[in-house]
């Protein structure tokens, strides 16, 4: 069970009004830490930012940092305003796309202001193309941010299997179902090694046999083709018989 060292300190302005609290939690095994600042009165905090900043610095260097036992940590410093979840995105044609899904706007002053994001631009998920969306946000003190996000709608074509035309062989002739067969996909490239083949051809028995070729791409598109293989009897050699003409004997009368 983790053992935590908890450090707290009140935040006051120059008039000794309580405006917030600092809390530091350090796992003695250095497996986790938390450094948290809670502001109770935003307006009073803004009116005395210097004292607030000095108190936080003193707390960190005098109490929290020594508790880290010399371990170096990299702390994330929040920007005055930020928009996340707006990285460039690739979707398949026909997919549903919600330009607001996963998007978050945070202000260091106002907190979560996601509802105030203005989004311009549209994405037609039924047409292959690149689309630009513009996300704009502004908080109560004028901090603003604009992000342009590119959404790419790509093709989603099924694979194509080639080299599976109907074929005729003679009894006893070898048949390799993979010979000359390939599979190509617009998005995934060569899928020949992914082809699954089912069906049996008895090359000793004249008949028509069906061989099934299947391949699935990374998007889940399944292609299945049936190939007819005909096994026929060997062609008999035709012997040429020369016709021999026999002439009747001639007898002279004495």
C-alpha atoms as a PDB file:
ATOM      1  CA  UNK A   1       0.000   0.000   0.000  1.00  0.00           C
ATOM      2  CA  UNK A   2       1.383   3.384  -1.020  1.00  0.00           C
ATOM      3  CA  UNK A   3       2.446   5.713   1.784  1.00  0.00           C
ATOM      4  CA  UNK A   4       1.782   9.351   0.951  1.00  0.00           C
ATOM      5  CA  UNK A   5       3.310  12.444   2.434  1.00  0.00           C
ATOM      6  CA  UNK A   6       0.664  15.163   2.281  1.00  0.00           C
ATOM      7  CA  UNK A   7       1.580  18.846   2.461  1.00  0.00           C
ATOM      8  CA  UNK A   8      -0.959  21.657   2.392  1.00  0.00           C
ATOM      9  CA  UNK A   9      -0.815  25.413   2.692  1.00  0.00           C
ATOM     10  CA  UNK A  10      -3.433  28.145   2.582  1.00  0.00           C
ATOM     11  CA  UNK A  11      -3.274  30.896  -0.026  1.00  0.00           C
ATOM     12  CA  UNK A  12      -4.035  34.394   1.265  1.00  0.00           C
ATOM     13  CA  UNK A  13      -3.938  37.839  -0.278  1.00  0.00           C
ATOM     14  CA  UNK A  14      -2.334  40.903   1.335  1.00  0.00           C
ATOM     15  CA  UNK A  15      -5.489  41.460   3.391  1.00  0.00           C
ATOM     16  CA  UNK A  16      -5.197  37.917   4.750  1.00  0.00           C
ATOM     17  CA  UNK A  17      -8.333  36.796   2.938  1.00  0.00           C
ATOM     18  CA  UNK A  18      -8.390  33.070   2.118  1.00  0.00           C
ATOM     19  CA  UNK A  19      -8.316  32.795  -1.678  1.00  0.00           C
ATOM     20  CA  UNK A  20      -7.139  29.224  -2.179  1.00  0.00           C
ATOM     21  CA  UNK A  21      -5.094  26.263  -1.103  1.00  0.00           C
ATOM     22  CA  UNK A  22      -1.983  24.416  -2.250  1.00  0.00           C
ATOM     23  CA  UNK A  23      -1.763  20.663  -1.776  1.00  0.00           C
ATOM     24  CA  UNK A  24       1.159  18.357  -2.430  1.00  0.00           C
ATOM     25  CA  UNK A  25       0.952  14.548  -2.257  1.00  0.00           C
ATOM     26  CA  UNK A  26       4.205  12.607  -2.564  1.00  0.00           C
ATOM     27  CA  UNK A  27       4.447   8.813  -2.551  1.00  0.00           C
ATOM     28  CA  UNK A  28       7.449   7.916  -0.381  1.00  0.00           C
ATOM     29  CA  UNK A  29       8.349   5.222  -2.921  1.00  0.00           C
ATOM     30  CA  UNK A  30       8.297   7.885  -5.646  1.00  0.00           C
ATOM     31  CA  UNK A  31       5.659   6.024  -7.639  1.00  0.00           C
ATOM     32  CA  UNK A  32       3.249   8.956  -7.771  1.00  0.00           C
ATOM     33  CA  UNK A  33       2.970  12.618  -6.950  1.00  0.00           C
ATOM     34  CA  UNK A  34       0.404  15.350  -7.136  1.00  0.00           C
ATOM     35  CA  UNK A  35       0.878  19.116  -6.943  1.00  0.00           C
ATOM     36  CA  UNK A  36      -2.439  20.916  -6.903  1.00  0.00           C
ATOM     37  CA  UNK A  37      -3.490  24.547  -6.589  1.00  0.00           C
ATOM     38  CA  UNK A  38      -7.127  25.329  -5.802  1.00  0.00           C
ATOM     39  CA  UNK A  39      -8.370  28.904  -6.168  1.00  0.00           C
ATOM     40  CA  UNK A  40     -11.507  29.728  -4.198  1.00  0.00           C
ATOM     41  CA  UNK A  41     -11.852  33.386  -5.165  1.00  0.00           C
ATOM     42  CA  UNK A  42     -10.686  34.120  -8.708  1.00  0.00           C
ATOM     43  CA  UNK A  43     -11.203  37.887  -8.542  1.00  0.00           C
ATOM     44  CA  UNK A  44      -9.190  38.323  -5.344  1.00  0.00           C
ATOM     45  CA  UNK A  45      -6.469  36.065  -6.710  1.00  0.00           C
ATOM     46  CA  UNK A  46      -6.172  38.193  -9.856  1.00  0.00           C
ATOM     47  CA  UNK A  47      -5.978  41.379  -7.815  1.00  0.00           C
ATOM     48  CA  UNK A  48      -2.907  40.162  -5.929  1.00  0.00           C
ATOM     49  CA  UNK A  49      -1.087  37.901  -8.374  1.00  0.00           C
ATOM     50  CA  UNK A  50       2.408  38.750  -7.105  1.00  0.00           C
ATOM     51  CA  UNK A  51       1.734  37.596  -3.550  1.00  0.00           C
ATOM     52  CA  UNK A  52      -0.013  34.514  -4.873  1.00  0.00           C
ATOM     53  CA  UNK A  53       2.943  33.672  -7.115  1.00  0.00           C
ATOM     54  CA  UNK A  54       5.468  34.153  -4.293  1.00  0.00           C
ATOM     55  CA  UNK A  55       3.476  31.951  -1.925  1.00  0.00           C
ATOM     56  CA  UNK A  56       3.299  29.153  -4.484  1.00  0.00           C
ATOM     57  CA  UNK A  57       7.030  29.415  -5.230  1.00  0.00           C
ATOM     58  CA  UNK A  58       7.908  29.317  -1.526  1.00  0.00           C
ATOM     59  CA  UNK A  59       5.687  26.310  -0.983  1.00  0.00           C
ATOM     60  CA  UNK A  60       7.196  24.416  -3.884  1.00  0.00           C
ATOM     61  CA  UNK A  61      10.858  25.107  -3.092  1.00  0.00           C
ATOM     62  CA  UNK A  62      10.597  24.891   0.714  1.00  0.00           C
ATOM     63  CA  UNK A  63       8.244  21.945   1.140  1.00  0.00           C
ATOM     64  CA  UNK A  64       7.311  20.061  -1.998  1.00  0.00           C
ATOM     65  CA  UNK A  65      10.642  19.861  -3.813  1.00  0.00           C
ATOM     66  CA  UNK A  66      12.605  18.613  -0.753  1.00  0.00           C
ATOM     67  CA  UNK A  67       9.986  15.878  -0.364  1.00  0.00           C
ATOM     68  CA  UNK A  68      10.985  14.596  -3.800  1.00  0.00           C
ATOM     69  CA  UNK A  69      14.342  13.528  -2.301  1.00  0.00           C
ATOM     70  CA  UNK A  70      16.384  14.967  -5.120  1.00  0.00           C
ATOM     71  CA  UNK A  71      14.424  13.235  -7.873  1.00  0.00           C
ATOM     72  CA  UNK A  72      14.063  15.410 -10.956  1.00  0.00           C
ATOM     73  CA  UNK A  73      10.541  15.748 -12.335  1.00  0.00           C
ATOM     74  CA  UNK A  74       9.267  17.518 -15.413  1.00  0.00           C
ATOM     75  CA  UNK A  75       6.176  19.555 -14.654  1.00  0.00           C
ATOM     76  CA  UNK A  76       3.563  20.482 -17.195  1.00  0.00           C
ATOM     77  CA  UNK A  77       2.908  24.210 -17.230  1.00  0.00           C
ATOM     78  CA  UNK A  78      -0.548  24.996 -18.542  1.00  0.00           C
ATOM     79  CA  UNK A  79      -0.940  27.617 -21.230  1.00  0.00           C
ATOM     80  CA  UNK A  80      -3.310  30.522 -20.501  1.00  0.00           C
ATOM     81  CA  UNK A  81      -5.751  28.848 -22.879  1.00  0.00           C
ATOM     82  CA  UNK A  82      -5.658  25.601 -24.825  1.00  0.00           C
ATOM     83  CA  UNK A  83      -7.682  23.443 -27.202  1.00  0.00           C
ATOM     84  CA  UNK A  84      -7.107  19.689 -27.259  1.00  0.00           C
ATOM     85  CA  UNK A  85      -8.561  16.879 -29.364  1.00  0.00           C
ATOM     86  CA  UNK A  86      -8.119  18.767 -32.633  1.00  0.00           C
ATOM     87  CA  UNK A  87      -5.259  16.838 -34.204  1.00  0.00           C
ATOM     88  CA  UNK A  88      -5.443  16.053 -37.920  1.00  0.00           C
ATOM     89  CA  UNK A  89      -7.732  13.104 -38.544  1.00  0.00           C
ATOM     90  CA  UNK A  90      -8.164  10.473 -41.268  1.00  0.00           C
ATOM     91  CA  UNK A  91     -11.526   8.748 -41.722  1.00  0.00           C
ATOM     92  CA  UNK A  92     -12.894   6.293 -44.282  1.00  0.00           C
ATOM     93  CA  UNK A  93     -15.463   7.376 -46.807  1.00  0.00           C
ATOM     94  CA  UNK A  94     -18.921   6.808 -45.367  1.00  0.00           C
ATOM     95  CA  UNK A  95     -17.779   6.992 -41.743  1.00  0.00           C
ATOM     96  CA  UNK A  96     -19.654   9.237 -39.332  1.00  0.00           C
ATOM     97  CA  UNK A  97     -17.645  12.239 -38.146  1.00  0.00           C
ATOM     98  CA  UNK A  98     -18.495  14.616 -35.292  1.00  0.00           C
ATOM     99  CA  UNK A  99     -16.255  17.686 -35.334  1.00  0.00           C
ATOM    100  CA  UNK A 100     -17.007  18.357 -31.638  1.00  0.00           C
ATOM    101  CA  UNK A 101     -16.311  14.856 -30.340  1.00  0.00           C
ATOM    102  CA  UNK A 102     -13.291  14.686 -28.031  1.00  0.00           C
ATOM    103  CA  UNK A 103     -12.572  18.420 -28.303  1.00  0.00           C
ATOM    104  CA  UNK A 104     -11.809  20.269 -25.056  1.00  0.00           C
ATOM    105  CA  UNK A 105     -10.997  23.922 -24.344  1.00  0.00           C
ATOM    106  CA  UNK A 106      -9.430  24.926 -21.021  1.00  0.00           C
ATOM    107  CA  UNK A 107      -8.719  28.424 -19.723  1.00  0.00           C
ATOM    108  CA  UNK A 108      -6.344  29.006 -16.832  1.00  0.00           C
ATOM    109  CA  UNK A 109      -8.817  31.642 -15.665  1.00  0.00           C
ATOM    110  CA  UNK A 110     -12.245  30.228 -16.511  1.00  0.00           C
ATOM    111  CA  UNK A 111     -11.619  26.492 -16.490  1.00  0.00           C
ATOM    112  CA  UNK A 112     -13.571  24.361 -18.953  1.00  0.00           C
ATOM    113  CA  UNK A 113     -14.886  26.609 -21.730  1.00  0.00           C
ATOM    114  CA  UNK A 114     -15.487  23.910 -24.333  1.00  0.00           C
ATOM    115  CA  UNK A 115     -19.061  25.096 -24.888  1.00  0.00           C
ATOM    116  CA  UNK A 116     -17.710  28.440 -26.145  1.00  0.00           C
ATOM    117  CA  UNK A 117     -15.651  26.976 -28.998  1.00  0.00           C
ATOM    118  CA  UNK A 118     -16.596  28.345 -32.415  1.00  0.00           C
ATOM    119  CA  UNK A 119     -16.102  25.876 -35.264  1.00  0.00           C
ATOM    120  CA  UNK A 120     -16.166  26.837 -38.935  1.00  0.00           C
ATOM    121  CA  UNK A 121     -15.929  24.485 -41.891  1.00  0.00           C
ATOM    122  CA  UNK A 122     -17.682  21.273 -42.883  1.00  0.00           C
ATOM    123  CA  UNK A 123     -16.661  17.685 -43.631  1.00  0.00           C
ATOM    124  CA  UNK A 124     -18.469  15.646 -46.298  1.00  0.00           C
ATOM    125  CA  UNK A 125     -17.722  12.103 -45.202  1.00  0.00           C
ATOM    126  CA  UNK A 126     -19.225  10.742 -48.421  1.00  0.00           C
ATOM    127  CA  UNK A 127     -16.665  12.426 -50.635  1.00  0.00           C
ATOM    128  CA  UNK A 128     -12.932  11.705 -50.738  1.00  0.00           C
ATOM    129  CA  UNK A 129     -11.043  14.946 -50.057  1.00  0.00           C
ATOM    130  CA  UNK A 130      -9.140  17.008 -47.468  1.00  0.00           C
ATOM    131  CA  UNK A 131     -11.255  19.340 -45.329  1.00  0.00           C
ATOM    132  CA  UNK A 132     -10.130  22.148 -43.003  1.00  0.00           C
ATOM    133  CA  UNK A 133     -11.949  22.964 -39.778  1.00  0.00           C
ATOM    134  CA  UNK A 134     -11.153  26.094 -37.755  1.00  0.00           C
ATOM    135  CA  UNK A 135     -11.561  26.015 -33.962  1.00  0.00           C
ATOM    136  CA  UNK A 136     -11.588  29.358 -32.122  1.00  0.00           C
ATOM    137  CA  UNK A 137     -11.848  30.033 -28.396  1.00  0.00           C
ATOM    138  CA  UNK A 138     -11.596  33.116 -26.167  1.00  0.00           C
ATOM    139  CA  UNK A 139     -11.855  33.403 -22.379  1.00  0.00           C
ATOM    140  CA  UNK A 140     -13.155  36.172 -20.117  1.00  0.00           C
ATOM    141  CA  UNK A 141      -9.830  38.043 -19.919  1.00  0.00           C
ATOM    142  CA  UNK A 142      -9.120  37.999 -23.647  1.00  0.00           C
ATOM    143  CA  UNK A 143      -6.853  34.963 -23.972  1.00  0.00           C
ATOM    144  CA  UNK A 144      -7.597  33.380 -27.334  1.00  0.00           C
ATOM    145  CA  UNK A 145      -6.510  30.477 -29.482  1.00  0.00           C
ATOM    146  CA  UNK A 146      -7.188  29.360 -33.052  1.00  0.00           C
ATOM    147  CA  UNK A 147      -6.432  25.896 -34.415  1.00  0.00           C
ATOM    148  CA  UNK A 148      -6.864  24.635 -37.976  1.00  0.00           C
ATOM    149  CA  UNK A 149      -7.590  20.928 -38.179  1.00  0.00           C
ATOM    150  CA  UNK A 150      -7.363  18.882 -41.381  1.00  0.00           C
ATOM    151  CA  UNK A 151      -9.774  15.985 -41.778  1.00  0.00           C
ATOM    152  CA  UNK A 152      -8.953  13.591 -44.609  1.00  0.00           C
ATOM    153  CA  UNK A 153     -11.705  11.416 -46.040  1.00  0.00           C
ATOM    154  CA  UNK A 154      -9.976   8.517 -47.768  1.00  0.00           C
ATOM    155  CA  UNK A 155     -11.086   5.717 -50.035  1.00  0.00           C
ATOM    156  CA  UNK A 156     -12.271   2.384 -48.702  1.00  0.00           C
ATOM    157  CA  UNK A 157     -12.020   0.137 -51.737  1.00  0.00           C
ATOM    158  CA  UNK A 158     -12.179  -3.664 -51.401  1.00  0.00           C
ATOM    159  CA  UNK A 159      -9.203  -5.789 -52.496  1.00  0.00           C
ATOM    160  CA  UNK A 160      -8.991  -7.235 -56.008  1.00  0.00           C
ATOM    161  CA  UNK A 161      -7.906 -10.839 -56.602  1.00  0.00           C
ATOM    162  CA  UNK A 162      -6.301 -11.532 -59.984  1.00  0.00           C
ATOM    163  CA  UNK A 163      -5.186 -14.686 -61.762  1.00  0.00           C
ATOM    164  CA  UNK A 164      -8.228 -16.797 -60.887  1.00  0.00           C
ATOM    165  CA  UNK A 165      -9.655 -17.381 -64.343  1.00  0.00           C
ATOM    166  CA  UNK A 166     -11.222 -20.817 -65.025  1.00  0.00           C
ATOM    167  CA  UNK A 167      -8.580 -23.413 -65.854  1.00  0.00           C
ATOM    168  CA  UNK A 168      -8.484 -26.821 -67.543  1.00  0.00           C
ATOM    169  CA  UNK A 169      -5.913 -29.500 -66.775  1.00  0.00           C
ATOM    170  CA  UNK A 170      -5.551 -33.125 -67.833  1.00  0.00           C
ATOM    171  CA  UNK A 171      -5.719 -36.157 -65.590  1.00  0.00           C
ATOM    172  CA  UNK A 172      -2.413 -36.499 -63.728  1.00  0.00           C
ATOM    173  CA  UNK A 173      -1.334 -32.912 -64.385  1.00  0.00           C
ATOM    174  CA  UNK A 174      -0.189 -30.971 -61.301  1.00  0.00           C
ATOM    175  CA  UNK A 175      -2.263 -28.012 -60.140  1.00  0.00           C
ATOM    176  CA  UNK A 176      -0.952 -25.247 -57.840  1.00  0.00           C
ATOM    177  CA  UNK A 177      -3.890 -23.073 -56.678  1.00  0.00           C
ATOM    178  CA  UNK A 178      -1.573 -20.153 -55.763  1.00  0.00           C
ATOM    179  CA  UNK A 179       0.434 -20.039 -58.959  1.00  0.00           C
ATOM    180  CA  UNK A 180      -0.087 -16.677 -60.662  1.00  0.00           C
ATOM    181  CA  UNK A 181      -2.699 -15.505 -58.144  1.00  0.00           C
ATOM    182  CA  UNK A 182      -2.309 -12.033 -56.560  1.00  0.00           C
ATOM    183  CA  UNK A 183      -4.361  -9.679 -54.379  1.00  0.00           C
ATOM    184  CA  UNK A 184      -4.028  -5.890 -54.377  1.00  0.00           C
ATOM    185  CA  UNK A 185      -5.728  -3.269 -52.217  1.00  0.00           C
ATOM    186  CA  UNK A 186      -5.867   0.486 -52.829  1.00  0.00           C
ATOM    187  CA  UNK A 187      -5.140   1.315 -49.196  1.00  0.00           C
ATOM    188  CA  UNK A 188      -3.123  -1.693 -47.982  1.00  0.00           C
ATOM    189  CA  UNK A 189      -1.130  -2.579 -51.085  1.00  0.00           C
ATOM    190  CA  UNK A 190      -0.121  -6.171 -51.804  1.00  0.00           C
ATOM    191  CA  UNK A 191      -2.257  -8.699 -49.898  1.00  0.00           C
ATOM    192  CA  UNK A 192      -1.240 -11.808 -51.839  1.00  0.00           C
ATOM    193  CA  UNK A 193       0.107 -13.527 -48.731  1.00  0.00           C
ATOM    194  CA  UNK A 194      -3.231 -12.968 -46.979  1.00  0.00           C
ATOM    195  CA  UNK A 195      -5.263 -14.975 -49.502  1.00  0.00           C
ATOM    196  CA  UNK A 196      -7.101 -17.968 -48.016  1.00  0.00           C
ATOM    197  CA  UNK A 197      -7.864 -20.852 -50.392  1.00  0.00           C
ATOM    198  CA  UNK A 198     -10.419 -23.597 -49.818  1.00  0.00           C
ATOM    199  CA  UNK A 199     -11.486 -26.471 -52.035  1.00  0.00           C
ATOM    200  CA  UNK A 200      -9.926 -29.697 -53.323  1.00  0.00           C
ATOM    201  CA  UNK A 201      -8.988 -30.605 -56.873  1.00  0.00           C
ATOM    202  CA  UNK A 202      -8.553 -34.336 -57.573  1.00  0.00           C
ATOM    203  CA  UNK A 203      -6.296 -34.390 -60.583  1.00  0.00           C
ATOM    204  CA  UNK A 204      -6.879 -38.137 -60.998  1.00  0.00           C
ATOM    205  CA  UNK A 205     -10.632 -37.838 -61.457  1.00  0.00           C
ATOM    206  CA  UNK A 206     -12.192 -36.015 -64.427  1.00  0.00           C
ATOM    207  CA  UNK A 207     -14.650 -33.442 -63.101  1.00  0.00           C
ATOM    208  CA  UNK A 208     -15.234 -29.721 -62.531  1.00  0.00           C
ATOM    209  CA  UNK A 209     -13.983 -28.512 -59.142  1.00  0.00           C
ATOM    210  CA  UNK A 210     -14.619 -25.195 -57.387  1.00  0.00           C
ATOM    211  CA  UNK A 211     -11.783 -23.450 -55.540  1.00  0.00           C
ATOM    212  CA  UNK A 212     -12.638 -20.451 -53.322  1.00  0.00           C
ATOM    213  CA  UNK A 213     -10.231 -17.523 -52.874  1.00  0.00           C
ATOM    214  CA  UNK A 214     -10.830 -15.066 -50.017  1.00  0.00           C
ATOM    215  CA  UNK A 215      -8.942 -12.035 -48.741  1.00  0.00           C
ATOM    216  CA  UNK A 216      -9.782  -9.324 -46.175  1.00  0.00           C
ATOM    217  CA  UNK A 217      -8.156  -5.885 -45.951  1.00  0.00           C
ATOM    218  CA  UNK A 218      -7.447  -3.881 -42.790  1.00  0.00           C
ATOM    219  CA  UNK A 219     -10.757  -2.065 -43.130  1.00  0.00           C
ATOM    220  CA  UNK A 220     -12.632  -5.363 -42.938  1.00  0.00           C
ATOM    221  CA  UNK A 221     -13.585  -5.533 -46.616  1.00  0.00           C
ATOM    222  CA  UNK A 222     -13.927  -9.218 -47.551  1.00  0.00           C
ATOM    223  CA  UNK A 223     -13.642 -10.414 -51.144  1.00  0.00           C
ATOM    224  CA  UNK A 224     -14.528 -13.984 -52.094  1.00  0.00           C
ATOM    225  CA  UNK A 225     -14.163 -15.447 -55.606  1.00  0.00           C
ATOM    226  CA  UNK A 226     -14.859 -18.954 -56.916  1.00  0.00           C
ATOM    227  CA  UNK A 227     -12.614 -20.449 -59.584  1.00  0.00           C
ATOM    228  CA  UNK A 228     -13.638 -23.419 -61.727  1.00  0.00           C
ATOM    229  CA  UNK A 229     -10.942 -26.026 -62.380  1.00  0.00           C
ATOM    230  CA  UNK A 230     -11.782 -28.673 -64.967  1.00  0.00           C
ATOM    231  CA  UNK A 231      -9.928 -31.988 -64.928  1.00  0.00           C
ATOM    232  CA  UNK A 232     -10.368 -33.824 -68.234  1.00  0.00           C
ATOM    233  CA  UNK A 233      -9.203 -37.132 -69.590  1.00  0.00           C
ATOM    234  CA  UNK A 234      -5.977 -37.256 -71.524  1.00  0.00           C
ATOM    235  CA  UNK A 235      -6.385 -36.842 -75.240  1.00  0.00           C
ATOM    236  CA  UNK A 236      -5.857 -40.155 -76.984  1.00  0.00           C
ATOM    237  CA  UNK A 237      -3.272 -40.289 -79.700  1.00  0.00           C
ATOM    238  CA  UNK A 238      -4.803 -40.843 -83.087  1.00  0.00           C
ATOM    239  CA  UNK A 239      -3.023 -43.536 -85.000  1.00  0.00           C
ATOM    240  CA  UNK A 240      -2.777 -42.970 -88.683  1.00  0.00           C
ATOM    241  CA  UNK A 241      -3.666 -46.079 -90.658  1.00  0.00           C
ATOM    242  CA  UNK A 242      -2.362 -46.120 -94.143  1.00  0.00           C
ATOM    243  CA  UNK A 243      -4.843 -47.605 -96.579  1.00  0.00           C
ATOM    244  CA  UNK A 244      -3.269 -50.498 -98.544  1.00  0.00           C
ATOM    245  CA  UNK A 245      -4.729 -51.077-102.045  1.00  0.00           C
ATOM    246  CA  UNK A 246      -4.679 -54.730-103.195  1.00  0.00           C
ATOM    247  CA  UNK A 247      -4.902 -55.233-106.950  1.00  0.00           C
ATOM    248  CA  UNK A 248      -6.463 -58.492-108.359  1.00  0.00           C
ATOM    249  CA  UNK A 249      -4.078 -60.896-110.075  1.00  0.00           C
ATOM    250  CA  UNK A 250      -4.151 -60.945-113.896  1.00  0.00           C
ATOM    251  CA  UNK A 251      -4.260 -64.344-115.663  1.00  0.00           C
ATOM    252  CA  UNK A 252      -3.553 -64.659-119.352  1.00  0.00           C
ATOM    253  CA  UNK A 253      -5.662 -67.077-121.307  1.00  0.00           C
ATOM    254  CA  UNK A 254      -3.602 -69.581-123.364  1.00  0.00           C
END
